Protein backbone atom coordinates (compact mmCIF):
# COMPACT_ATOMS: atom_id res chain seq x y z
CA MET A 1 -15.83 14.56 -9.72
CA GLN A 2 -16.14 11.67 -12.16
CA ALA A 3 -13.74 8.80 -12.16
CA LEU A 4 -10.95 9.02 -14.58
CA LYS A 5 -10.81 6.66 -17.58
CA GLY A 6 -7.65 4.81 -18.42
CA TYR A 7 -6.59 6.92 -21.43
CA GLN A 8 -7.16 10.05 -19.34
CA LYS A 9 -4.95 8.69 -16.47
CA LYS A 10 -2.33 7.96 -19.27
CA PHE A 11 -2.69 11.36 -20.59
CA LEU A 12 -2.29 12.90 -17.14
CA LYS A 13 0.68 10.72 -16.15
CA ALA A 14 2.40 12.03 -19.32
CA ARG A 15 1.60 15.67 -18.26
CA ALA A 16 3.11 15.11 -14.72
CA HIS A 17 6.12 13.19 -15.94
CA GLY A 18 8.51 16.09 -16.24
CA ARG A 19 7.37 17.65 -12.87
CA LYS A 20 8.80 17.66 -9.62
CA PRO A 21 6.72 16.90 -6.41
CA VAL A 22 5.23 20.08 -5.03
CA VAL A 23 3.96 18.61 -1.73
CA PHE A 24 5.95 16.35 0.62
CA ILE A 25 4.31 14.32 3.40
CA GLY A 26 6.59 13.77 6.23
CA GLN A 27 6.28 12.50 10.07
CA LYS A 28 3.19 14.50 10.85
CA GLY A 29 1.13 12.87 8.04
CA LEU A 30 -2.05 14.57 6.80
CA THR A 31 -2.64 17.81 8.66
CA HIS A 32 -5.02 20.60 7.90
CA ASN A 33 -2.10 22.90 6.75
CA LEU A 34 -1.09 20.03 4.26
CA ILE A 35 -4.47 19.61 2.72
CA GLY A 36 -4.57 23.39 2.37
CA SER A 37 -1.22 23.19 0.43
CA ILE A 38 -2.52 20.52 -1.78
CA ASN A 39 -5.78 22.60 -2.62
CA ASP A 40 -3.52 25.57 -3.37
CA ALA A 41 -1.10 23.44 -5.60
CA LEU A 42 -4.20 21.95 -7.40
CA ASN A 43 -5.76 25.23 -8.07
CA THR A 44 -2.52 26.47 -9.65
CA HIS A 45 -1.25 23.39 -11.55
CA GLU A 46 -4.38 21.07 -11.79
CA VAL A 47 -2.02 17.92 -11.88
CA ILE A 48 0.39 17.62 -9.04
CA LYS A 49 2.91 15.05 -7.52
CA VAL A 50 2.95 14.47 -3.91
CA LYS A 51 6.03 12.58 -2.31
CA PHE A 52 5.62 10.37 0.73
CA ILE A 53 8.82 10.85 2.73
CA ASP A 54 8.38 8.91 6.10
CA PHE A 55 5.66 6.51 4.80
CA LYS A 56 7.17 3.54 3.06
CA GLU A 57 4.46 0.78 3.35
CA LYS A 58 2.26 0.49 0.28
CA ARG A 59 -0.86 0.29 2.51
CA GLN A 60 -0.07 3.40 4.35
CA LYS A 61 0.54 5.43 1.11
CA GLY A 62 -2.73 3.97 -0.34
CA ASP A 63 -4.71 5.05 2.79
CA MET A 64 -3.10 8.59 2.79
CA ALA A 65 -3.92 8.92 -0.97
CA ALA A 66 -7.53 7.75 -0.34
CA ASN A 67 -7.81 10.62 2.39
CA ILE A 68 -6.35 13.15 0.19
CA GLU A 69 -8.74 12.49 -2.58
CA ALA A 70 -11.77 12.64 -0.21
CA GLU A 71 -10.53 15.89 1.56
CA ALA A 72 -9.18 17.75 -1.41
CA SER A 73 -11.97 16.63 -3.93
CA CYS A 74 -9.32 15.33 -6.28
CA ARG A 75 -8.60 12.06 -8.24
CA LEU A 76 -5.68 9.92 -7.82
CA VAL A 77 -4.11 9.46 -11.18
CA GLY A 78 -1.51 6.88 -10.19
CA MET A 79 1.29 6.04 -7.55
CA ILE A 80 4.78 5.15 -8.65
CA GLY A 81 7.10 4.39 -5.72
CA HIS A 82 6.75 6.93 -3.08
CA ILE A 83 5.13 9.52 -5.53
CA ALA A 84 1.50 9.97 -5.88
CA ILE A 85 -0.13 11.84 -8.94
CA PHE A 86 -3.38 13.80 -8.31
CA TYR A 87 -5.65 15.83 -10.66
CA ARG A 88 -8.45 18.12 -10.10
CA GLN A 89 -9.97 20.29 -12.81
CA HIS A 90 -9.97 24.16 -12.04
CA PRO A 91 -13.51 25.27 -11.46
CA ASP A 92 -13.02 28.43 -13.69
CA PRO A 93 -13.19 27.20 -17.29
CA GLU A 94 -11.04 30.16 -18.51
CA LYS A 95 -8.32 29.36 -16.06
CA ARG A 96 -8.21 25.65 -16.82
CA LYS A 97 -4.73 24.53 -18.30
CA ILE A 98 -5.47 20.88 -19.03
CA GLN A 99 -8.19 19.55 -21.20
CA LEU A 100 -8.80 15.89 -20.87
CA PRO A 101 -9.28 13.79 -23.92
CA GLN A 102 -12.73 12.53 -24.56
CA ARG A 103 -13.44 9.56 -26.78
């Protein structure tokens, strides 16, 4: 997956603004089931919010976000407080809900 450009990240943040987190990361951290839930949510919504409940340090959240990017084949759009926004385009062109702006 290609890296997102600044204007694309801004577009995706605006799309995610009114949404609630769909995945919550608690004490157990990243598990196989959690990555499965993230994959399911990305296939359904394309852009999702993930909330870190028990991880309050910025470094921990950054490391976990990098792991999610690698394991779920998605891109981190941004992180605001304890919430991270991820994006992955749907593999089926007919089921895509979000069209990224191209300049």
